[in-house]
């Protein structure tokens, strides 16, 4: 397991993704945020299948920040149960990992 994570967050829309990204960037909990402004999502909600358009937010961070990121996202997200998934990053550009180390505590 490495020290680096990519955290994926599904948001109501692009504006919500930007708001959450800015909060986390200002707190130095993430080094970078990428937003895909429109994705089509199909999911179960309250015993029915919903077809909706949402945005997806990708956050580059370190393992030690994941728990606090999840709490911060839950506090600033419009969904009752936001989708927040953290993935270990086992390999990648060492220079980019150095950038993450330089930008966040």
PDB file of N, CA and C in Angstrom:
ATOM      1  N   UNK A   1       0.849  -1.181   0.000  1.00  0.00           N
ATOM      2  CA  UNK A   1       0.000   0.000   0.000  1.00  0.00           C
ATOM      3  C   UNK A   1       0.894   1.244   0.000  1.00  0.00           C
ATOM      4  N   UNK A   2       0.527   2.212  -0.801  1.00  0.00           N
ATOM      5  CA  UNK A   2       1.321   3.439  -0.884  1.00  0.00           C
ATOM      6  C   UNK A   2       0.717   4.533  -0.004  1.00  0.00           C
ATOM      7  N   UNK A   3       1.393   5.662   0.030  1.00  0.00           N
ATOM      8  CA  UNK A   3       0.910   6.807   0.799  1.00  0.00           C
ATOM      9  C   UNK A   3      -0.086   7.662   0.025  1.00  0.00           C
ATOM     10  N   UNK A   4      -0.288   7.366  -1.253  1.00  0.00           N
ATOM     11  CA  UNK A   4      -1.070   8.245  -2.124  1.00  0.00           C
ATOM     12  C   UNK A   4      -2.424   7.633  -2.448  1.00  0.00           C
ATOM     13  N   UNK A   5      -3.421   8.525  -2.590  1.00  0.00           N
ATOM     14  CA  UNK A   5      -4.781   8.086  -2.898  1.00  0.00           C
ATOM     15  C   UNK A   5      -5.400   8.998  -3.946  1.00  0.00           C
ATOM     16  N   UNK A   6      -6.295   8.413  -4.721  1.00  0.00           N
ATOM     17  CA  UNK A   6      -7.212   9.183  -5.557  1.00  0.00           C
ATOM     18  C   UNK A   6      -8.588   8.943  -4.962  1.00  0.00           C
ATOM     19  N   UNK A   7      -9.258  10.024  -4.624  1.00  0.00           N
ATOM     20  CA  UNK A   7     -10.596   9.944  -4.028  1.00  0.00           C
ATOM     21  C   UNK A   7     -11.592  10.420  -5.073  1.00  0.00           C
ATOM     22  N   UNK A   8     -12.575   9.577  -5.335  1.00  0.00           N
ATOM     23  CA  UNK A   8     -13.615   9.867  -6.323  1.00  0.00           C
ATOM     24  C   UNK A   8     -14.903  10.243  -5.583  1.00  0.00           C
ATOM     25  N   UNK A   9     -15.478  11.371  -5.968  1.00  0.00           N
ATOM     26  CA  UNK A   9     -16.700  11.855  -5.326  1.00  0.00           C
ATOM     27  C   UNK A   9     -17.718  12.183  -6.419  1.00  0.00           C
ATOM     28  N   UNK A  10     -18.905  11.607  -6.313  1.00  0.00           N
ATOM     29  CA  UNK A  10     -19.981  11.963  -7.236  1.00  0.00           C
ATOM     30  C   UNK A  10     -20.743  13.124  -6.614  1.00  0.00           C
ATOM     31  N   UNK A  11     -20.920  14.189  -7.391  1.00  0.00           N
ATOM     32  CA  UNK A  11     -21.572  15.411  -6.906  1.00  0.00           C
ATOM     33  C   UNK A  11     -22.844  15.705  -7.690  1.00  0.00           C
ATOM     34  N   UNK A  12     -23.720  16.482  -7.084  1.00  0.00           N
ATOM     35  CA  UNK A  12     -24.983  16.852  -7.707  1.00  0.00           C
ATOM     36  C   UNK A  12     -24.765  17.525  -9.056  1.00  0.00           C
ATOM     37  N   UNK A  13     -23.760  18.420  -9.112  1.00  0.00           N
ATOM     38  CA  UNK A  13     -23.478  19.149 -10.348  1.00  0.00           C
ATOM     39  C   UNK A  13     -22.062  19.709 -10.295  1.00  0.00           C
ATOM     40  N   UNK A  14     -21.673  20.380 -11.344  1.00  0.00           N
ATOM     41  CA  UNK A  14     -20.320  20.921 -11.446  1.00  0.00           C
ATOM     42  C   UNK A  14     -20.039  21.947 -10.349  1.00  0.00           C
ATOM     43  N   UNK A  15     -21.011  22.770 -10.025  1.00  0.00           N
ATOM     44  CA  UNK A  15     -20.806  23.796  -9.000  1.00  0.00           C
ATOM     45  C   UNK A  15     -20.520  23.177  -7.637  1.00  0.00           C
ATOM     46  N   UNK A  16     -21.262  22.141  -7.288  1.00  0.00           N
ATOM     47  CA  UNK A  16     -21.004  21.473  -6.012  1.00  0.00           C
ATOM     48  C   UNK A  16     -19.601  20.861  -6.003  1.00  0.00           C
ATOM     49  N   UNK A  17     -19.189  20.248  -7.104  1.00  0.00           N
ATOM     50  CA  UNK A  17     -17.847  19.674  -7.202  1.00  0.00           C
ATOM     51  C   UNK A  17     -16.787  20.765  -7.009  1.00  0.00           C
ATOM     52  N   UNK A  18     -16.980  21.921  -7.652  1.00  0.00           N
ATOM     53  CA  UNK A  18     -16.027  23.033  -7.505  1.00  0.00           C
ATOM     54  C   UNK A  18     -15.983  23.530  -6.063  1.00  0.00           C
ATOM     55  N   UNK A  19     -17.130  23.651  -5.431  1.00  0.00           N
ATOM     56  CA  UNK A  19     -17.183  24.137  -4.050  1.00  0.00           C
ATOM     57  C   UNK A  19     -16.416  23.204  -3.113  1.00  0.00           C
ATOM     58  N   UNK A  20     -16.665  21.905  -3.246  1.00  0.00           N
ATOM     59  CA  UNK A  20     -15.985  20.932  -2.396  1.00  0.00           C
ATOM     60  C   UNK A  20     -14.485  20.951  -2.683  1.00  0.00           C
ATOM     61  N   UNK A  21     -14.111  21.009  -3.957  1.00  0.00           N
ATOM     62  CA  UNK A  21     -12.691  21.044  -4.325  1.00  0.00           C
ATOM     63  C   UNK A  21     -11.997  22.249  -3.702  1.00  0.00           C
ATOM     64  N   UNK A  22     -12.614  23.404  -3.783  1.00  0.00           N
ATOM     65  CA  UNK A  22     -11.996  24.622  -3.233  1.00  0.00           C
ATOM     66  C   UNK A  22     -11.818  24.536  -1.715  1.00  0.00           C
ATOM     67  N   UNK A  23     -12.807  24.011  -1.035  1.00  0.00           N
ATOM     68  CA  UNK A  23     -12.712  23.849   0.422  1.00  0.00           C
ATOM     69  C   UNK A  23     -11.517  22.967   0.773  1.00  0.00           C
ATOM     70  N   UNK A  24     -11.392  21.847   0.088  1.00  0.00           N
ATOM     71  CA  UNK A  24     -10.320  20.899   0.391  1.00  0.00           C
ATOM     72  C   UNK A  24      -8.951  21.430  -0.022  1.00  0.00           C
ATOM     73  N   UNK A  25      -8.898  22.152  -1.132  1.00  0.00           N
ATOM     74  CA  UNK A  25      -7.636  22.759  -1.565  1.00  0.00           C
ATOM     75  C   UNK A  25      -7.178  23.823  -0.563  1.00  0.00           C
ATOM     76  N   UNK A  26      -8.110  24.665  -0.113  1.00  0.00           N
ATOM     77  CA  UNK A  26      -7.752  25.713   0.847  1.00  0.00           C
ATOM     78  C   UNK A  26      -7.264  25.135   2.168  1.00  0.00           C
ATOM     79  N   UNK A  27      -7.787  23.981   2.551  1.00  0.00           N
ATOM     80  CA  UNK A  27      -7.357  23.322   3.789  1.00  0.00           C
ATOM     81  C   UNK A  27      -6.094  22.500   3.592  1.00  0.00           C
ATOM     82  N   UNK A  28      -5.560  22.505   2.351  1.00  0.00           N
ATOM     83  CA  UNK A  28      -4.337  21.764   2.018  1.00  0.00           C
ATOM     84  C   UNK A  28      -4.483  20.263   2.281  1.00  0.00           C
ATOM     85  N   UNK A  29      -5.707  19.743   2.091  1.00  0.00           N
ATOM     86  CA  UNK A  29      -5.932  18.306   2.244  1.00  0.00           C
ATOM     87  C   UNK A  29      -5.802  17.567   0.915  1.00  0.00           C
ATOM     88  N   UNK A  30      -5.831  18.311  -0.183  1.00  0.00           N
ATOM     89  CA  UNK A  30      -5.627  17.731  -1.506  1.00  0.00           C
ATOM     90  C   UNK A  30      -4.647  18.607  -2.275  1.00  0.00           C
ATOM     91  N   UNK A  31      -3.918  17.969  -3.193  1.00  0.00           N
ATOM     92  CA  UNK A  31      -2.973  18.714  -4.025  1.00  0.00           C
ATOM     93  C   UNK A  31      -3.608  19.128  -5.335  1.00  0.00           C
ATOM     94  N   UNK A  32      -4.616  18.400  -5.773  1.00  0.00           N
ATOM     95  CA  UNK A  32      -5.225  18.639  -7.077  1.00  0.00           C
ATOM     96  C   UNK A  32      -6.641  18.093  -7.078  1.00  0.00           C
ATOM     97  N   UNK A  33      -7.507  18.755  -7.832  1.00  0.00           N
ATOM     98  CA  UNK A  33      -8.878  18.282  -8.022  1.00  0.00           C
ATOM     99  C   UNK A  33      -9.202  18.353  -9.510  1.00  0.00           C
ATOM    100  N   UNK A  34      -9.748  17.288 -10.033  1.00  0.00           N
ATOM    101  CA  UNK A  34     -10.211  17.254 -11.417  1.00  0.00           C
ATOM    102  C   UNK A  34     -11.706  17.029 -11.419  1.00  0.00           C
ATOM    103  N   UNK A  35     -12.398  17.731 -12.316  1.00  0.00           N
ATOM    104  CA  UNK A  35     -13.856  17.624 -12.379  1.00  0.00           C
ATOM    105  C   UNK A  35     -14.274  17.215 -13.787  1.00  0.00           C
ATOM    106  N   UNK A  36     -15.057  16.173 -13.854  1.00  0.00           N
ATOM    107  CA  UNK A  36     -15.755  15.841 -15.096  1.00  0.00           C
ATOM    108  C   UNK A  36     -17.160  16.400 -14.899  1.00  0.00           C
ATOM    109  N   UNK A  37     -17.514  17.448 -15.655  1.00  0.00           N
ATOM    110  CA  UNK A  37     -18.719  18.202 -15.341  1.00  0.00           C
ATOM    111  C   UNK A  37     -20.042  17.463 -15.535  1.00  0.00           C
ATOM    112  N   UNK A  38     -20.081  16.476 -16.410  1.00  0.00           N
ATOM    113  CA  UNK A  38     -21.374  15.823 -16.628  1.00  0.00           C
ATOM    114  C   UNK A  38     -21.177  14.339 -16.919  1.00  0.00           C
ATOM    115  N   UNK A  39     -21.742  13.542 -16.037  1.00  0.00           N
ATOM    116  CA  UNK A  39     -21.785  12.104 -16.242  1.00  0.00           C
ATOM    117  C   UNK A  39     -23.230  11.662 -16.103  1.00  0.00           C
ATOM    118  N   UNK A  40     -23.569  10.599 -16.769  1.00  0.00           N
ATOM    119  CA  UNK A  40     -24.904  10.039 -16.600  1.00  0.00           C
ATOM    120  C   UNK A  40     -24.820   8.934 -15.566  1.00  0.00           C
ATOM    121  N   UNK A  41     -25.689   8.981 -14.582  1.00  0.00           N
ATOM    122  CA  UNK A  41     -25.694   8.004 -13.496  1.00  0.00           C
ATOM    123  C   UNK A  41     -27.041   7.308 -13.427  1.00  0.00           C
ATOM    124  N   UNK A  42     -26.994   6.015 -13.267  1.00  0.00           N
ATOM    125  CA  UNK A  42     -28.186   5.216 -12.998  1.00  0.00           C
ATOM    126  C   UNK A  42     -27.937   4.514 -11.676  1.00  0.00           C
ATOM    127  N   UNK A  43     -28.872   4.633 -10.736  1.00  0.00           N
ATOM    128  CA  UNK A  43     -28.643   4.072  -9.411  1.00  0.00           C
ATOM    129  C   UNK A  43     -29.970   3.822  -8.695  1.00  0.00           C
ATOM    130  N   UNK A  44     -29.884   2.945  -7.689  1.00  0.00           N
ATOM    131  CA  UNK A  44     -31.041   2.690  -6.842  1.00  0.00           C
ATOM    132  C   UNK A  44     -31.149   3.792  -5.793  1.00  0.00           C
ATOM    133  N   UNK A  45     -32.361   4.333  -5.628  1.00  0.00           N
ATOM    134  CA  UNK A  45     -32.637   5.296  -4.568  1.00  0.00           C
ATOM    135  C   UNK A  45     -34.090   5.171  -4.162  1.00  0.00           C
ATOM    136  N   UNK A  46     -34.297   4.845  -2.910  1.00  0.00           N
ATOM    137  CA  UNK A  46     -35.639   4.706  -2.338  1.00  0.00           C
ATOM    138  C   UNK A  46     -36.513   3.767  -3.183  1.00  0.00           C
ATOM    139  N   UNK A  47     -35.992   2.571  -3.402  1.00  0.00           N
ATOM    140  CA  UNK A  47     -36.707   1.478  -4.075  1.00  0.00           C
ATOM    141  C   UNK A  47     -37.041   1.723  -5.537  1.00  0.00           C
ATOM    142  N   UNK A  48     -36.296   2.613  -6.189  1.00  0.00           N
ATOM    143  CA  UNK A  48     -36.509   2.784  -7.629  1.00  0.00           C
ATOM    144  C   UNK A  48     -35.176   3.109  -8.298  1.00  0.00           C
ATOM    145  N   UNK A  49     -35.112   2.841  -9.587  1.00  0.00           N
ATOM    146  CA  UNK A  49     -33.915   3.160 -10.347  1.00  0.00           C
ATOM    147  C   UNK A  49     -34.040   4.594 -10.851  1.00  0.00           C
ATOM    148  N   UNK A  50     -33.010   5.382 -10.569  1.00  0.00           N
ATOM    149  CA  UNK A  50     -32.980   6.787 -10.964  1.00  0.00           C
ATOM    150  C   UNK A  50     -31.983   6.939 -12.116  1.00  0.00           C
ATOM    151  N   UNK A  51     -32.349   7.743 -13.104  1.00  0.00           N
ATOM    152  CA  UNK A  51     -31.458   8.103 -14.214  1.00  0.00           C
ATOM    153  C   UNK A  51     -31.241   9.606 -14.096  1.00  0.00           C
ATOM    154  N   UNK A  52     -29.995  10.000 -13.819  1.00  0.00           N
ATOM    155  CA  UNK A  52     -29.722  11.399 -13.508  1.00  0.00           C
ATOM    156  C   UNK A  52     -28.395  11.820 -14.128  1.00  0.00           C
ATOM    157  N   UNK A  53     -28.167  13.120 -14.168  1.00  0.00           N
ATOM    158  CA  UNK A  53     -26.883  13.659 -14.593  1.00  0.00           C
ATOM    159  C   UNK A  53     -26.213  14.287 -13.377  1.00  0.00           C
ATOM    160  N   UNK A  54     -24.938  13.963 -13.198  1.00  0.00           N
ATOM    161  CA  UNK A  54     -24.179  14.439 -12.059  1.00  0.00           C
ATOM    162  C   UNK A  54     -22.789  14.841 -12.548  1.00  0.00           C
ATOM    163  N   UNK A  55     -21.930  15.215 -11.615  1.00  0.00           N
ATOM    164  CA  UNK A  55     -20.525  15.508 -11.908  1.00  0.00           C
ATOM    165  C   UNK A  55     -19.668  14.592 -11.060  1.00  0.00           C
ATOM    166  N   UNK A  56     -18.450  14.382 -11.515  1.00  0.00           N
ATOM    167  CA  UNK A  56     -17.533  13.551 -10.731  1.00  0.00           C
ATOM    168  C   UNK A  56     -16.278  14.357 -10.423  1.00  0.00           C
ATOM    169  N   UNK A  57     -15.828  14.216  -9.214  1.00  0.00           N
ATOM    170  CA  UNK A  57     -14.680  14.940  -8.697  1.00  0.00           C
ATOM    171  C   UNK A  57     -13.602  13.926  -8.333  1.00  0.00           C
ATOM    172  N   UNK A  58     -12.393  14.124  -8.847  1.00  0.00           N
ATOM    173  CA  UNK A  58     -11.248  13.283  -8.507  1.00  0.00           C
ATOM    174  C   UNK A  58     -10.270  14.125  -7.706  1.00  0.00           C
ATOM    175  N   UNK A  59      -9.883  13.625  -6.550  1.00  0.00           N
ATOM    176  CA  UNK A  59      -8.991  14.345  -5.649  1.00  0.00           C
ATOM    177  C   UNK A  59      -7.704  13.560  -5.464  1.00  0.00           C
ATOM    178  N   UNK A  60      -6.552  14.245  -5.571  1.00  0.00           N
ATOM    179  CA  UNK A  60      -5.263  13.608  -5.336  1.00  0.00           C
ATOM    180  C   UNK A  60      -4.790  14.015  -3.950  1.00  0.00           C
ATOM    181  N   UNK A  61      -4.512  12.995  -3.117  1.00  0.00           N
ATOM    182  CA  UNK A  61      -4.175  13.265  -1.730  1.00  0.00           C
ATOM    183  C   UNK A  61      -3.263  12.182  -1.170  1.00  0.00           C
ATOM    184  N   UNK A  62      -3.077  12.230   0.123  1.00  0.00           N
ATOM    185  CA  UNK A  62      -2.287  11.222   0.827  1.00  0.00           C
ATOM    186  C   UNK A  62      -3.215  10.410   1.736  1.00  0.00           C
ATOM    187  N   UNK A  63      -2.799   9.204   2.038  1.00  0.00           N
ATOM    188  CA  UNK A  63      -3.618   8.283   2.823  1.00  0.00           C
ATOM    189  C   UNK A  63      -4.061   8.886   4.155  1.00  0.00           C
ATOM    190  N   UNK A  64      -3.179   9.627   4.795  1.00  0.00           N
ATOM    191  CA  UNK A  64      -3.493  10.170   6.120  1.00  0.00           C
ATOM    192  C   UNK A  64      -4.631  11.187   6.103  1.00  0.00           C
ATOM    193  N   UNK A  65      -5.002  11.708   4.928  1.00  0.00           N
ATOM    194  CA  UNK A  65      -6.067  12.704   4.842  1.00  0.00           C
ATOM    195  C   UNK A  65      -7.436  12.114   4.489  1.00  0.00           C
ATOM    196  N   UNK A  66      -7.486  10.849   4.120  1.00  0.00           N
ATOM    197  CA  UNK A  66      -8.729  10.291   3.590  1.00  0.00           C
ATOM    198  C   UNK A  66      -9.883  10.383   4.590  1.00  0.00           C
ATOM    199  N   UNK A  67      -9.672   9.995   5.821  1.00  0.00           N
ATOM    200  CA  UNK A  67     -10.768  10.027   6.804  1.00  0.00           C
ATOM    201  C   UNK A  67     -11.304  11.443   7.002  1.00  0.00           C
ATOM    202  N   UNK A  68     -10.417  12.422   7.124  1.00  0.00           N
ATOM    203  CA  UNK A  68     -10.888  13.798   7.312  1.00  0.00           C
ATOM    204  C   UNK A  68     -11.520  14.348   6.035  1.00  0.00           C
ATOM    205  N   UNK A  69     -11.019  13.920   4.872  1.00  0.00           N
ATOM    206  CA  UNK A  69     -11.644  14.325   3.603  1.00  0.00           C
ATOM    207  C   UNK A  69     -13.087  13.845   3.537  1.00  0.00           C
ATOM    208  N   UNK A  70     -13.286  12.590   3.901  1.00  0.00           N
ATOM    209  CA  UNK A  70     -14.639  12.028   3.854  1.00  0.00           C
ATOM    210  C   UNK A  70     -15.573  12.835   4.753  1.00  0.00           C
ATOM    211  N   UNK A  71     -15.124  13.166   5.948  1.00  0.00           N
ATOM    212  CA  UNK A  71     -15.968  13.954   6.858  1.00  0.00           C
ATOM    213  C   UNK A  71     -16.245  15.348   6.302  1.00  0.00           C
ATOM    214  N   UNK A  72     -15.239  15.978   5.727  1.00  0.00           N
ATOM    215  CA  UNK A  72     -15.410  17.310   5.133  1.00  0.00           C
ATOM    216  C   UNK A  72     -16.375  17.259   3.949  1.00  0.00           C
ATOM    217  N   UNK A  73     -16.235  16.242   3.121  1.00  0.00           N
ATOM    218  CA  UNK A  73     -17.133  16.080   1.971  1.00  0.00           C
ATOM    219  C   UNK A  73     -18.564  15.881   2.459  1.00  0.00           C
ATOM    220  N   UNK A  74     -18.759  15.005   3.433  1.00  0.00           N
ATOM    221  CA  UNK A  74     -20.110  14.765   3.959  1.00  0.00           C
ATOM    222  C   UNK A  74     -20.727  16.045   4.526  1.00  0.00           C
ATOM    223  N   UNK A  75     -19.897  16.892   5.141  1.00  0.00           N
ATOM    224  CA  UNK A  75     -20.396  18.148   5.723  1.00  0.00           C
ATOM    225  C   UNK A  75     -20.776  19.183   4.671  1.00  0.00           C
ATOM    226  N   UNK A  76     -20.223  19.063   3.471  1.00  0.00           N
ATOM    227  CA  UNK A  76     -20.440  20.079   2.439  1.00  0.00           C
ATOM    228  C   UNK A  76     -21.152  19.558   1.203  1.00  0.00           C
ATOM    229  N   UNK A  77     -21.677  18.373   1.282  1.00  0.00           N
ATOM    230  CA  UNK A  77     -22.322  17.720   0.135  1.00  0.00           C
ATOM    231  C   UNK A  77     -23.833  17.780   0.296  1.00  0.00           C
ATOM    232  N   UNK A  78     -24.530  17.887  -0.815  1.00  0.00           N
ATOM    233  CA  UNK A  78     -25.994  17.979  -0.774  1.00  0.00           C
ATOM    234  C   UNK A  78     -26.680  16.623  -0.610  1.00  0.00           C
ATOM    235  N   UNK A  79     -25.972  15.531  -0.886  1.00  0.00           N
ATOM    236  CA  UNK A  79     -26.591  14.203  -0.794  1.00  0.00           C
ATOM    237  C   UNK A  79     -26.562  13.683   0.638  1.00  0.00           C
ATOM    238  N   UNK A  80     -27.568  12.925   0.996  1.00  0.00           N
ATOM    239  CA  UNK A  80     -27.632  12.287   2.302  1.00  0.00           C
ATOM    240  C   UNK A  80     -26.486  11.284   2.444  1.00  0.00           C
ATOM    241  N   UNK A  81     -26.242  10.529   1.384  1.00  0.00           N
ATOM    242  CA  UNK A  81     -25.194   9.516   1.376  1.00  0.00           C
ATOM    243  C   UNK A  81     -24.320   9.703   0.143  1.00  0.00           C
ATOM    244  N   UNK A  82     -23.349  10.614   0.191  1.00  0.00           N
ATOM    245  CA  UNK A  82     -22.516  10.832  -0.995  1.00  0.00           C
ATOM    246  C   UNK A  82     -21.612   9.630  -1.287  1.00  0.00           C
ATOM    247  N   UNK A  83     -21.401   9.392  -2.558  1.00  0.00           N
ATOM    248  CA  UNK A  83     -20.479   8.347  -2.996  1.00  0.00           C
ATOM    249  C   UNK A  83     -19.060   8.907  -2.920  1.00  0.00           C
ATOM    250  N   UNK A  84     -18.273   8.368  -1.993  1.00  0.00           N
ATOM    251  CA  UNK A  84     -16.879   8.775  -1.812  1.00  0.00           C
ATOM    252  C   UNK A  84     -16.053   7.492  -1.760  1.00  0.00           C
ATOM    253  N   UNK A  85     -15.195   7.297  -2.752  1.00  0.00           N
ATOM    254  CA  UNK A  85     -14.388   6.083  -2.841  1.00  0.00           C
ATOM    255  C   UNK A  85     -12.916   6.454  -2.949  1.00  0.00           C
ATOM    256  N   UNK A  86     -12.094   5.870  -2.104  1.00  0.00           N
ATOM    257  CA  UNK A  86     -10.647   6.134  -2.128  1.00  0.00           C
ATOM    258  C   UNK A  86      -9.929   4.916  -2.699  1.00  0.00           C
ATOM    259  N   UNK A  87      -9.014   5.175  -3.620  1.00  0.00           N
ATOM    260  CA  UNK A  87      -8.252   4.119  -4.271  1.00  0.00           C
ATOM    261  C   UNK A  87      -6.770   4.322  -4.010  1.00  0.00           C
ATOM    262  N   UNK A  88      -6.085   3.251  -3.622  1.00  0.00           N
ATOM    263  CA  UNK A  88      -4.627   3.295  -3.466  1.00  0.00           C
ATOM    264  C   UNK A  88      -3.979   3.544  -4.821  1.00  0.00           C
ATOM    265  N   UNK A  89      -2.922   4.323  -4.809  1.00  0.00           N
ATOM    266  CA  UNK A  89      -2.134   4.544  -6.023  1.00  0.00           C
ATOM    267  C   UNK A  89      -0.800   3.840  -5.805  1.00  0.00           C
ATOM    268  N   UNK A  90      -0.611   2.726  -6.478  1.00  0.00           N
ATOM    269  CA  UNK A  90       0.590   1.920  -6.280  1.00  0.00           C
ATOM    270  C   UNK A  90       1.753   2.335  -7.161  1.00  0.00           C
ATOM    271  N   UNK A  91       1.453   2.910  -8.320  1.00  0.00           N
ATOM    272  CA  UNK A  91       2.511   3.322  -9.228  1.00  0.00           C
ATOM    273  C   UNK A  91       2.130   4.634  -9.884  1.00  0.00           C
ATOM    274  N   UNK A  92       3.141   5.347 -10.350  1.00  0.00           N
ATOM    275  CA  UNK A  92       2.887   6.598 -11.048  1.00  0.00           C
ATOM    276  C   UNK A  92       4.164   7.400 -11.211  1.00  0.00           C
ATOM    277  N   UNK A  93       3.990   8.614 -11.670  1.00  0.00           N
ATOM    278  CA  UNK A  93       5.096   9.524 -11.920  1.00  0.00           C
ATOM    279  C   UNK A  93       5.663  10.026 -10.581  1.00  0.00           C
ATOM    280  N   UNK A  94       6.892   9.658 -10.274  1.00  0.00           N
ATOM    281  CA  UNK A  94       7.525  10.067  -9.015  1.00  0.00           C
ATOM    282  C   UNK A  94       7.531  11.584  -8.859  1.00  0.00           C
ATOM    283  N   UNK A  95       7.737  12.302  -9.958  1.00  0.00           N
ATOM    284  CA  UNK A  95       7.725  13.770  -9.893  1.00  0.00           C
ATOM    285  C   UNK A  95       6.362  14.286  -9.441  1.00  0.00           C
ATOM    286  N   UNK A  96       5.288  13.615  -9.852  1.00  0.00           N
ATOM    287  CA  UNK A  96       3.950  14.032  -9.435  1.00  0.00           C
ATOM    288  C   UNK A  96       3.742  13.729  -7.947  1.00  0.00           C
ATOM    289  N   UNK A  97       4.231  12.582  -7.492  1.00  0.00           N
ATOM    290  CA  UNK A  97       4.148  12.280  -6.061  1.00  0.00           C
ATOM    291  C   UNK A  97       4.907  13.323  -5.248  1.00  0.00           C
ATOM    292  N   UNK A  98       6.046  13.772  -5.765  1.00  0.00           N
ATOM    293  CA  UNK A  98       6.811  14.835  -5.091  1.00  0.00           C
ATOM    294  C   UNK A  98       5.992  16.122  -5.014  1.00  0.00           C
ATOM    295  N   UNK A  99       5.251  16.428  -6.077  1.00  0.00           N
ATOM    296  CA  UNK A  99       4.387  17.606  -6.079  1.00  0.00           C
ATOM    297  C   UNK A  99       3.321  17.488  -5.003  1.00  0.00           C
ATOM    298  N   UNK A 100       2.715  16.329  -4.890  1.00  0.00           N
ATOM    299  CA  UNK A 100       1.713  16.109  -3.830  1.00  0.00           C
ATOM    300  C   UNK A 100       2.352  16.344  -2.466  1.00  0.00           C
ATOM    301  N   UNK A 101       3.538  15.778  -2.271  1.00  0.00           N
ATOM    302  CA  UNK A 101       4.241  15.961  -0.985  1.00  0.00           C
ATOM    303  C   UNK A 101       4.533  17.436  -0.707  1.00  0.00           C
ATOM    304  N   UNK A 102       4.853  18.190  -1.737  1.00  0.00           N
ATOM    305  CA  UNK A 102       5.189  19.612  -1.569  1.00  0.00           C
ATOM    306  C   UNK A 102       3.953  20.471  -1.285  1.00  0.00           C
ATOM    307  N   UNK A 103       2.806  20.061  -1.812  1.00  0.00           N
ATOM    308  CA  UNK A 103       1.615  20.923  -1.758  1.00  0.00           C
ATOM    309  C   UNK A 103       0.716  20.679  -0.555  1.00  0.00           C
ATOM    310  N   UNK A 104       0.753  19.485   0.010  1.00  0.00           N
ATOM    311  CA  UNK A 104      -0.121  19.231   1.158  1.00  0.00           C
ATOM    312  C   UNK A 104       0.699  18.750   2.346  1.00  0.00           C
ATOM    313  N   UNK A 105       0.150  18.956   3.517  1.00  0.00           N
ATOM    314  CA  UNK A 105       0.860  18.587   4.747  1.00  0.00           C
ATOM    315  C   UNK A 105       0.778  17.112   5.013  1.00  0.00           C
TER     316      UNK A 105
END
